[in-house]
Structure formats: C-alpha cells, structure tokens
Amino acid sequence: MAVLSKQVAVPKSGFSPIPVIDMSDPESKHALVKACEDFGFFKVINHGISAELVSVLEHETVEFFSLPKSEKTLVAGYPFGYGNSKIGRNGDVGWVEYLLMNANLDSGSGPLFPSLLKSPGTFRNALEEYTISVRKMTCDVLEMIIDGLGIKPRNTLSKLVSDQNTDSILRLNHYPPCPLINKKTNCGKNVIGFGEHTDPQIISVLRSNNTSGLQINLTDGSWVSVPPDHSSFFFNVGDSLQVRLIS
C-alpha cells in the first residue's frame, strides 16, 4: 500500500520504525500529529477493542472464504459484495478475494452473504460489534489529531465517521495460495496480492492476522515492510487528510 505524505527519510537498509500511538495516553495526540505529518502511517495500541471479538470475526471470515467459489459468487456485486482478483472498475489486479460492505450494516446496501454460512447470526453479530468498536476507535484517533492541530470543533473529522449515513466501508481481504508461485524455481515472484495504491478517504484502518506482506512506499522510492501485529491496528493517512495536513 503506497502512503502519500510528508514522509521522513530512512536508512537505505530499508529499516523503518513504525510510529506507535498509545491510545490510553491523552498526550499521544502530539506524537499522533507528527506521525501523520512525517510518516503517513502509524500503529495504535491500547485501543480497547476486545481480542475475543476480533478472533470470532476472523474465524467467521475464514469460514466464508472457505466456501466454494460458486457459492461466494452468489453475493458478488458492485460496489458491495464478494469480489475476486479485480479491485474496482479500474482493473487494479491482484491475487486476492474480498468482501466489501457498508460500515453501517443496517443501511440495506450490504450483501446477503450470511445466508451462505453455518451460523449467519454469529457472523453478523461479530461484524456489527466489530464495526461499532472500530468506528469508535477511529473517531477517537481523528479527535486526537484535531486536538493536536488545535482545530475546533473537536468532531470536525470524526463526525464524518460517526454519522449514521457515513460512507465508511468495511473490507475483508483473503489472499489464497497462488498456484503461479513456485518457491523452488522463484517463478511468480512478482505476483501481488493487493496492488500499489493510495487511499482517497480521510483515513484507513488496517488489521493483520500475523501474516506479513503489507508494505509502505517512502519518498525516496523505497518500499519497507510493516511487521504484522495481531493485537494492534494500523492507520494509513488518506489523500483527503493529507491535503489538510500539508495545506
């Protein structure tokens, strides 16, 4: 994932410490603003989201992506629903399948995918709890940024996420084994899971399941890997917020 922002230079070795923001410390707002301005990417700890909730959602997500492709494509659609390989209408091709939903699951615009599962109620409940928790955490982060910038009112950005009619989306990605990759012959080494891109939104929230692969692009053109962390959340400054930070 490419990150556009006023990023700091890093050693040519490729090592780049990801800024860590402690949500339990109100004074972290200053480090948070600096991370946004200098790096465009940061990790959040002590975020208050239940590890048990995350585990349940991950289990249900794995169950969905384990379904036969013929069943998953029953809930394919645009913009919401199941998708495979092609990401959007611009053809950002990658070796990935995904499930895209409106963050407001009661909006009526989401797929009817739970009907395909053994326990649709469990999946939907986990999704609802997860989206509520992540939206709250995101609002807290955005309000800390606003505090750090000295902007009033405090909900200048967070209201765009907390609003009932928010256009926030929830995306579940799955990267299945790729038959084009052969470790012995190094064949298919350039296969990409999710293509290089920037995010047009205000901010993006990412979570990994301890699988490596995420990279960010620095101003010198180098790509550095982001070590996975199952217990934390990563935030990527989107193009819209970047405009505000550098204006």
C-alpha atoms as a PDB file:
ATOM      1  CA  MET A   1       0.000   0.000   0.000  1.00  0.00           C
ATOM      2  CA  ALA A   2       1.507   3.298  -1.040  1.00  0.00           C
ATOM      3  CA  VAL A   3       1.309   6.073   1.506  1.00  0.00           C
ATOM      4  CA  LEU A   4       1.401   9.674   0.318  1.00  0.00           C
ATOM      5  CA  SER A   5       2.508  12.188   2.920  1.00  0.00           C
ATOM      6  CA  LYS A   6       5.421  14.271   4.159  1.00  0.00           C
ATOM      7  CA  GLN A   7       7.490  11.221   4.956  1.00  0.00           C
ATOM      8  CA  VAL A   8      10.861  11.052   6.666  1.00  0.00           C
ATOM      9  CA  ALA A   9      13.961   9.644   5.073  1.00  0.00           C
ATOM     10  CA  VAL A  10      15.035   6.185   6.230  1.00  0.00           C
ATOM     11  CA  PRO A  11      18.309   4.311   6.042  1.00  0.00           C
ATOM     12  CA  LYS A  12      18.983   2.538   2.764  1.00  0.00           C
ATOM     13  CA  SER A  13      18.839  -0.722   4.687  1.00  0.00           C
ATOM     14  CA  GLY A  14      15.055  -0.471   4.443  1.00  0.00           C
ATOM     15  CA  PHE A  15      14.533  -0.499   8.215  1.00  0.00           C
ATOM     16  CA  SER A  16      11.779   1.901   9.177  1.00  0.00           C
ATOM     17  CA  PRO A  17      10.305   2.003  12.688  1.00  0.00           C
ATOM     18  CA  ILE A  18       6.532   2.374  12.515  1.00  0.00           C
ATOM     19  CA  PRO A  19       5.297   5.111  14.909  1.00  0.00           C
ATOM     20  CA  VAL A  20       3.353   3.629  17.827  1.00  0.00           C
ATOM     21  CA  ILE A  21       0.480   5.589  19.367  1.00  0.00           C
ATOM     22  CA  ASP A  22      -0.774   4.704  22.855  1.00  0.00           C
ATOM     23  CA  MET A  23      -4.492   5.495  22.931  1.00  0.00           C
ATOM     24  CA  SER A  24      -4.533   5.405  26.734  1.00  0.00           C
ATOM     25  CA  ASP A  25      -2.267   8.469  26.910  1.00  0.00           C
ATOM     26  CA  PRO A  26      -4.012  11.784  26.066  1.00  0.00           C
ATOM     27  CA  GLU A  27      -0.631  13.358  25.363  1.00  0.00           C
ATOM     28  CA  SER A  28      -0.156  10.935  22.484  1.00  0.00           C
ATOM     29  CA  LYS A  29      -2.007  13.483  20.335  1.00  0.00           C
ATOM     30  CA  HIS A  30       1.278  15.289  19.666  1.00  0.00           C
ATOM     31  CA  ALA A  31       3.056  12.115  18.574  1.00  0.00           C
ATOM     32  CA  LEU A  32      -0.004  11.254  16.510  1.00  0.00           C
ATOM     33  CA  VAL A  33       0.078  14.503  14.548  1.00  0.00           C
ATOM     34  CA  LYS A  34       3.807  14.106  13.984  1.00  0.00           C
ATOM     35  CA  ALA A  35       3.311  10.535  12.750  1.00  0.00           C
ATOM     36  CA  CYS A  36       0.672  11.758  10.285  1.00  0.00           C
ATOM     37  CA  GLU A  37       2.803  14.634   9.021  1.00  0.00           C
ATOM     38  CA  ASP A  38       6.164  12.860   8.871  1.00  0.00           C
ATOM     39  CA  PHE A  39       5.234   9.285   8.070  1.00  0.00           C
ATOM     40  CA  GLY A  40       1.587   8.984   6.998  1.00  0.00           C
ATOM     41  CA  PHE A  41       1.273   5.660   8.784  1.00  0.00           C
ATOM     42  CA  PHE A  42       1.182   4.535  12.413  1.00  0.00           C
ATOM     43  CA  LYS A  43       0.252   1.711  14.778  1.00  0.00           C
ATOM     44  CA  VAL A  44      -2.292   2.061  17.586  1.00  0.00           C
ATOM     45  CA  ILE A  45      -2.045   0.154  20.877  1.00  0.00           C
ATOM     46  CA  ASN A  46      -4.293   0.107  23.974  1.00  0.00           C
ATOM     47  CA  HIS A  47      -7.213   0.705  21.643  1.00  0.00           C
ATOM     48  CA  GLY A  48      -9.818  -1.059  23.804  1.00  0.00           C
ATOM     49  CA  ILE A  49     -11.107  -3.454  21.149  1.00  0.00           C
ATOM     50  CA  SER A  50     -11.688  -6.944  22.503  1.00  0.00           C
ATOM     51  CA  ALA A  51      -9.262  -9.607  21.303  1.00  0.00           C
ATOM     52  CA  GLU A  52     -12.064 -12.147  21.656  1.00  0.00           C
ATOM     53  CA  LEU A  53     -14.286 -10.138  19.305  1.00  0.00           C
ATOM     54  CA  VAL A  54     -11.513  -9.969  16.714  1.00  0.00           C
ATOM     55  CA  SER A  55     -10.943 -13.732  16.986  1.00  0.00           C
ATOM     56  CA  VAL A  56     -14.637 -14.513  16.466  1.00  0.00           C
ATOM     57  CA  LEU A  57     -14.827 -12.276  13.403  1.00  0.00           C
ATOM     58  CA  GLU A  58     -11.651 -13.769  11.980  1.00  0.00           C
ATOM     59  CA  HIS A  59     -12.996 -17.300  12.457  1.00  0.00           C
ATOM     60  CA  GLU A  60     -16.285 -16.444  10.729  1.00  0.00           C
ATOM     61  CA  THR A  61     -14.422 -14.694   7.918  1.00  0.00           C
ATOM     62  CA  VAL A  62     -12.269 -17.758   7.305  1.00  0.00           C
ATOM     63  CA  GLU A  63     -15.452 -19.833   7.180  1.00  0.00           C
ATOM     64  CA  PHE A  64     -16.898 -17.573   4.493  1.00  0.00           C
ATOM     65  CA  PHE A  65     -13.796 -17.605   2.305  1.00  0.00           C
ATOM     66  CA  SER A  66     -13.601 -21.397   2.696  1.00  0.00           C
ATOM     67  CA  LEU A  67     -16.906 -21.753   0.838  1.00  0.00           C
ATOM     68  CA  PRO A  68     -16.809 -22.987  -2.778  1.00  0.00           C
ATOM     69  CA  LYS A  69     -16.303 -20.136  -5.228  1.00  0.00           C
ATOM     70  CA  SER A  70     -19.665 -20.934  -6.828  1.00  0.00           C
ATOM     71  CA  GLU A  71     -21.362 -20.074  -3.519  1.00  0.00           C
ATOM     72  CA  LYS A  72     -19.315 -16.961  -2.809  1.00  0.00           C
ATOM     73  CA  THR A  73     -20.082 -15.511  -6.222  1.00  0.00           C
ATOM     74  CA  LEU A  74     -23.779 -15.655  -5.362  1.00  0.00           C
ATOM     75  CA  VAL A  75     -23.178 -12.500  -3.335  1.00  0.00           C
ATOM     76  CA  ALA A  76     -20.910 -10.789  -5.862  1.00  0.00           C
ATOM     77  CA  GLY A  77     -21.828  -7.232  -6.735  1.00  0.00           C
ATOM     78  CA  TYR A  78     -20.709  -3.657  -7.207  1.00  0.00           C
ATOM     79  CA  PRO A  79     -19.794  -1.777  -5.187  1.00  0.00           C
ATOM     80  CA  PHE A  80     -20.701  -4.078  -2.305  1.00  0.00           C
ATOM     81  CA  GLY A  81     -20.415  -7.834  -2.142  1.00  0.00           C
ATOM     82  CA  TYR A  82     -17.886 -10.515  -2.987  1.00  0.00           C
ATOM     83  CA  GLY A  83     -15.089  -9.819  -5.452  1.00  0.00           C
ATOM     84  CA  ASN A  84     -12.165 -11.736  -6.849  1.00  0.00           C
ATOM     85  CA  SER A  85      -8.857 -10.518  -8.322  1.00  0.00           C
ATOM     86  CA  LYS A  86     -10.013  -7.306  -9.977  1.00  0.00           C
ATOM     87  CA  ILE A  87     -10.228  -4.470  -7.470  1.00  0.00           C
ATOM     88  CA  GLY A  88     -12.652  -1.851  -8.713  1.00  0.00           C
ATOM     89  CA  ARG A  89     -13.537  -0.810 -12.229  1.00  0.00           C
ATOM     90  CA  ASN A  90     -10.061   0.482 -12.984  1.00  0.00           C
ATOM     91  CA  GLY A  91      -8.684  -3.043 -13.057  1.00  0.00           C
ATOM     92  CA  ASP A  92      -6.234  -2.920 -10.144  1.00  0.00           C
ATOM     93  CA  VAL A  93      -5.453  -6.608 -10.498  1.00  0.00           C
ATOM     94  CA  GLY A  94      -4.109  -8.603  -7.580  1.00  0.00           C
ATOM     95  CA  TRP A  95      -4.209 -12.150  -6.248  1.00  0.00           C
ATOM     96  CA  VAL A  96      -6.924 -11.520  -3.676  1.00  0.00           C
ATOM     97  CA  GLU A  97     -10.581 -12.123  -2.928  1.00  0.00           C
ATOM     98  CA  TYR A  98     -12.612  -9.840  -0.742  1.00  0.00           C
ATOM     99  CA  LEU A  99     -15.951  -8.987   0.797  1.00  0.00           C
ATOM    100  CA  LEU A 100     -16.931  -5.328   0.752  1.00  0.00           C
ATOM    101  CA  MET A 101     -19.722  -3.885   2.908  1.00  0.00           C
ATOM    102  CA  ASN A 102     -21.117  -0.562   4.048  1.00  0.00           C
ATOM    103  CA  ALA A 103     -19.869   0.045   7.600  1.00  0.00           C
ATOM    104  CA  ASN A 104     -23.488   0.697   8.522  1.00  0.00           C
ATOM    105  CA  LEU A 105     -24.814  -2.844   8.167  1.00  0.00           C
ATOM    106  CA  ASP A 106     -28.411  -1.633   8.598  1.00  0.00           C
ATOM    107  CA  SER A 107     -28.186   0.550   5.508  1.00  0.00           C
ATOM    108  CA  GLY A 108     -29.647  -2.179   3.318  1.00  0.00           C
ATOM    109  CA  SER A 109     -26.773  -1.871   0.836  1.00  0.00           C
ATOM    110  CA  GLY A 110     -24.748  -4.808   2.107  1.00  0.00           C
ATOM    111  CA  PRO A 111     -24.717  -8.328   0.660  1.00  0.00           C
ATOM    112  CA  LEU A 112     -26.895 -11.127   1.982  1.00  0.00           C
ATOM    113  CA  PHE A 113     -23.828 -13.296   2.445  1.00  0.00           C
ATOM    114  CA  PRO A 114     -24.664 -14.563   5.983  1.00  0.00           C
ATOM    115  CA  SER A 115     -27.308 -16.873   4.485  1.00  0.00           C
ATOM    116  CA  LEU A 116     -24.455 -18.892   2.990  1.00  0.00           C
ATOM    117  CA  LEU A 117     -22.897 -19.663   6.355  1.00  0.00           C
ATOM    118  CA  LYS A 118     -23.484 -22.286   9.009  1.00  0.00           C
ATOM    119  CA  SER A 119     -24.005 -19.608  11.656  1.00  0.00           C
ATOM    120  CA  PRO A 120     -25.084 -16.415   9.848  1.00  0.00           C
ATOM    121  CA  GLY A 121     -26.237 -14.798  13.083  1.00  0.00           C
ATOM    122  CA  THR A 122     -22.808 -15.191  14.668  1.00  0.00           C
ATOM    123  CA  PHE A 123     -21.084 -13.612  11.669  1.00  0.00           C
ATOM    124  CA  ARG A 124     -23.472 -10.670  11.510  1.00  0.00           C
ATOM    125  CA  ASN A 125     -23.270 -10.038  15.263  1.00  0.00           C
ATOM    126  CA  ALA A 126     -19.475 -10.128  15.119  1.00  0.00           C
ATOM    127  CA  LEU A 127     -19.489  -7.729  12.163  1.00  0.00           C
ATOM    128  CA  GLU A 128     -21.816  -5.310  13.942  1.00  0.00           C
ATOM    129  CA  GLU A 129     -19.800  -5.322  17.175  1.00  0.00           C
ATOM    130  CA  TYR A 130     -16.531  -5.012  15.268  1.00  0.00           C
ATOM    131  CA  THR A 131     -17.655  -2.084  13.104  1.00  0.00           C
ATOM    132  CA  ILE A 132     -19.058  -0.232  16.131  1.00  0.00           C
ATOM    133  CA  SER A 133     -15.794  -0.734  18.039  1.00  0.00           C
ATOM    134  CA  VAL A 134     -13.545   0.219  15.126  1.00  0.00           C
ATOM    135  CA  ARG A 135     -15.624   3.282  14.282  1.00  0.00           C
ATOM    136  CA  LYS A 136     -15.332   4.461  17.897  1.00  0.00           C
ATOM    137  CA  MET A 137     -11.574   3.898  17.889  1.00  0.00           C
ATOM    138  CA  THR A 138     -11.276   5.736  14.573  1.00  0.00           C
ATOM    139  CA  CYS A 139     -13.309   8.661  15.925  1.00  0.00           C
ATOM    140  CA  ASP A 140     -11.031   8.810  18.968  1.00  0.00           C
ATOM    141  CA  VAL A 141      -7.956   8.874  16.705  1.00  0.00           C
ATOM    142  CA  LEU A 142      -9.406  11.607  14.482  1.00  0.00           C
ATOM    143  CA  GLU A 143     -10.359  13.718  17.500  1.00  0.00           C
ATOM    144  CA  MET A 144      -6.847  13.345  18.911  1.00  0.00           C
ATOM    145  CA  ILE A 145      -5.485  14.562  15.563  1.00  0.00           C
ATOM    146  CA  ILE A 146      -7.828  17.563  15.643  1.00  0.00           C
ATOM    147  CA  ASP A 147      -6.795  18.313  19.244  1.00  0.00           C
ATOM    148  CA  GLY A 148      -3.142  18.108  18.257  1.00  0.00           C
ATOM    149  CA  LEU A 149      -3.724  20.514  15.368  1.00  0.00           C
ATOM    150  CA  GLY A 150      -5.664  22.908  17.584  1.00  0.00           C
ATOM    151  CA  ILE A 151      -8.751  22.872  15.361  1.00  0.00           C
ATOM    152  CA  LYS A 152     -12.305  23.484  16.564  1.00  0.00           C
ATOM    153  CA  PRO A 153     -14.776  21.851  16.828  1.00  0.00           C
ATOM    154  CA  ARG A 154     -13.261  18.603  18.042  1.00  0.00           C
ATOM    155  CA  ASN A 155     -15.530  16.440  15.877  1.00  0.00           C
ATOM    156  CA  THR A 156     -14.585  18.178  12.623  1.00  0.00           C
ATOM    157  CA  LEU A 157     -13.392  14.879  11.148  1.00  0.00           C
ATOM    158  CA  SER A 158     -14.902  12.263  13.438  1.00  0.00           C
ATOM    159  CA  LYS A 159     -18.462  13.301  12.565  1.00  0.00           C
ATOM    160  CA  LEU A 160     -17.846  12.017   9.050  1.00  0.00           C
ATOM    161  CA  VAL A 161     -17.280   8.554  10.524  1.00  0.00           C
ATOM    162  CA  SER A 162     -19.830   8.576  13.351  1.00  0.00           C
ATOM    163  CA  ASP A 163     -22.708   9.893  11.243  1.00  0.00           C
ATOM    164  CA  GLN A 164     -25.472   7.345  10.632  1.00  0.00           C
ATOM    165  CA  ASN A 165     -25.171   7.975   6.888  1.00  0.00           C
ATOM    166  CA  THR A 166     -21.397   7.615   6.817  1.00  0.00           C
ATOM    167  CA  ASP A 167     -19.866   6.344   3.602  1.00  0.00           C
ATOM    168  CA  SER A 168     -17.271   4.326   5.562  1.00  0.00           C
ATOM    169  CA  ILE A 169     -16.776   0.806   4.275  1.00  0.00           C
ATOM    170  CA  LEU A 170     -15.649  -2.479   5.784  1.00  0.00           C
ATOM    171  CA  ARG A 171     -13.468  -4.709   3.665  1.00  0.00           C
ATOM    172  CA  LEU A 172     -12.403  -8.276   4.448  1.00  0.00           C
ATOM    173  CA  ASN A 173      -9.461  -9.466   2.350  1.00  0.00           C
ATOM    174  CA  HIS A 174      -8.315 -13.034   1.800  1.00  0.00           C
ATOM    175  CA  TYR A 175      -5.117 -13.933  -0.026  1.00  0.00           C
ATOM    176  CA  PRO A 176      -5.450 -17.584  -1.121  1.00  0.00           C
ATOM    177  CA  PRO A 177      -2.432 -19.687  -2.091  1.00  0.00           C
ATOM    178  CA  CYS A 178      -1.322 -18.696  -5.590  1.00  0.00           C
ATOM    179  CA  PRO A 179      -0.541 -21.574  -7.995  1.00  0.00           C
ATOM    180  CA  LEU A 180       1.667 -19.236 -10.039  1.00  0.00           C
ATOM    181  CA  ILE A 181       4.223 -19.097  -7.244  1.00  0.00           C
ATOM    182  CA  ASN A 182       6.885 -21.771  -7.148  1.00  0.00           C
ATOM    183  CA  LYS A 183       9.390 -21.238  -4.335  1.00  0.00           C
ATOM    184  CA  LYS A 184      11.879 -23.706  -5.815  1.00  0.00           C
ATOM    185  CA  THR A 185      12.089 -22.017  -9.214  1.00  0.00           C
ATOM    186  CA  ASN A 186      11.268 -18.498  -7.986  1.00  0.00           C
ATOM    187  CA  CYS A 187       8.524 -18.461 -10.587  1.00  0.00           C
ATOM    188  CA  GLY A 188       5.785 -15.941  -9.996  1.00  0.00           C
ATOM    189  CA  LYS A 189       7.833 -13.927  -7.511  1.00  0.00           C
ATOM    190  CA  ASN A 190       6.236 -10.713  -8.763  1.00  0.00           C
ATOM    191  CA  VAL A 191       2.663 -11.791  -8.032  1.00  0.00           C
ATOM    192  CA  ILE A 192       0.939  -9.078  -5.997  1.00  0.00           C
ATOM    193  CA  GLY A 193      -1.863  -9.621  -3.508  1.00  0.00           C
ATOM    194  CA  PHE A 194      -3.242  -6.074  -3.463  1.00  0.00           C
ATOM    195  CA  GLY A 195      -1.826  -3.642  -5.997  1.00  0.00           C
ATOM    196  CA  GLU A 196       0.086  -0.447  -5.260  1.00  0.00           C
ATOM    197  CA  HIS A 197      -2.315   2.386  -4.432  1.00  0.00           C
ATOM    198  CA  THR A 198      -3.183   5.310  -2.216  1.00  0.00           C
ATOM    199  CA  ASP A 199      -6.425   5.635  -0.268  1.00  0.00           C
ATOM    200  CA  PRO A 200      -8.646   8.606  -1.254  1.00  0.00           C
ATOM    201  CA  GLN A 201     -10.510   8.655   2.075  1.00  0.00           C
ATOM    202  CA  ILE A 202      -9.638  10.551   5.244  1.00  0.00           C
ATOM    203  CA  ILE A 203      -8.065   7.562   6.928  1.00  0.00           C
ATOM    204  CA  SER A 204      -7.894   3.774   6.612  1.00  0.00           C
ATOM    205  CA  VAL A 205      -7.770   1.273   9.464  1.00  0.00           C
ATOM    206  CA  LEU A 206      -5.935  -1.993   8.887  1.00  0.00           C
ATOM    207  CA  ARG A 207      -5.594  -5.158  10.929  1.00  0.00           C
ATOM    208  CA  SER A 208      -3.436  -8.176  10.166  1.00  0.00           C
ATOM    209  CA  ASN A 209      -3.648 -11.786  11.322  1.00  0.00           C
ATOM    210  CA  ASN A 210       0.106 -12.120  11.863  1.00  0.00           C
ATOM    211  CA  THR A 211       0.716 -12.653   8.149  1.00  0.00           C
ATOM    212  CA  SER A 212       3.393 -10.437   6.601  1.00  0.00           C
ATOM    213  CA  GLY A 213       3.053  -8.719   3.244  1.00  0.00           C
ATOM    214  CA  LEU A 214       1.979  -5.129   3.917  1.00  0.00           C
ATOM    215  CA  GLN A 215       4.439  -2.532   2.632  1.00  0.00           C
ATOM    216  CA  ILE A 216       4.514   1.258   2.503  1.00  0.00           C
ATOM    217  CA  ASN A 217       6.315   3.431  -0.021  1.00  0.00           C
ATOM    218  CA  LEU A 218       8.655   6.165   1.188  1.00  0.00           C
ATOM    219  CA  THR A 219       9.568   9.428  -0.507  1.00  0.00           C
ATOM    220  CA  ASP A 220      12.903   8.056  -1.708  1.00  0.00           C
ATOM    221  CA  GLY A 221      11.002   5.428  -3.694  1.00  0.00           C
ATOM    222  CA  SER A 222      11.893   2.515  -1.423  1.00  0.00           C
ATOM    223  CA  TRP A 223       9.350   0.042  -0.084  1.00  0.00           C
ATOM    224  CA  VAL A 224       9.570  -1.075   3.530  1.00  0.00           C
ATOM    225  CA  SER A 225       7.696  -3.943   5.139  1.00  0.00           C
ATOM    226  CA  VAL A 226       5.331  -3.378   8.045  1.00  0.00           C
ATOM    227  CA  PRO A 227       5.787  -6.133  10.661  1.00  0.00           C
ATOM    228  CA  PRO A 228       2.393  -7.753  11.346  1.00  0.00           C
ATOM    229  CA  ASP A 229       0.891  -7.350  14.800  1.00  0.00           C
ATOM    230  CA  HIS A 230      -2.258  -9.323  15.565  1.00  0.00           C
ATOM    231  CA  SER A 231      -3.109  -7.282  18.663  1.00  0.00           C
ATOM    232  CA  SER A 232      -2.783  -3.791  17.202  1.00  0.00           C
ATOM    233  CA  PHE A 233      -4.392  -1.690  14.488  1.00  0.00           C
ATOM    234  CA  PHE A 234      -2.588   0.208  11.744  1.00  0.00           C
ATOM    235  CA  PHE A 235      -3.753   3.557  10.375  1.00  0.00           C
ATOM    236  CA  ASN A 236      -2.961   4.905   6.943  1.00  0.00           C
ATOM    237  CA  VAL A 237      -3.415   8.625   6.237  1.00  0.00           C
ATOM    238  CA  GLY A 238      -5.690   9.001   3.224  1.00  0.00           C
ATOM    239  CA  ASP A 239      -5.386  11.576   0.457  1.00  0.00           C
ATOM    240  CA  SER A 240      -8.164  13.749   1.907  1.00  0.00           C
ATOM    241  CA  LEU A 241      -6.477  14.115   5.304  1.00  0.00           C
ATOM    242  CA  GLN A 242      -3.074  14.568   3.695  1.00  0.00           C
ATOM    243  CA  VAL A 243      -4.352  17.648   1.888  1.00  0.00           C
ATOM    244  CA  ARG A 244      -5.392  19.082   5.252  1.00  0.00           C
ATOM    245  CA  LEU A 245      -2.067  18.250   6.924  1.00  0.00           C
ATOM    246  CA  ILE A 246       0.127  19.873   4.279  1.00  0.00           C
ATOM    247  CA  SER A 247      -2.104  22.857   3.444  1.00  0.00           C
END
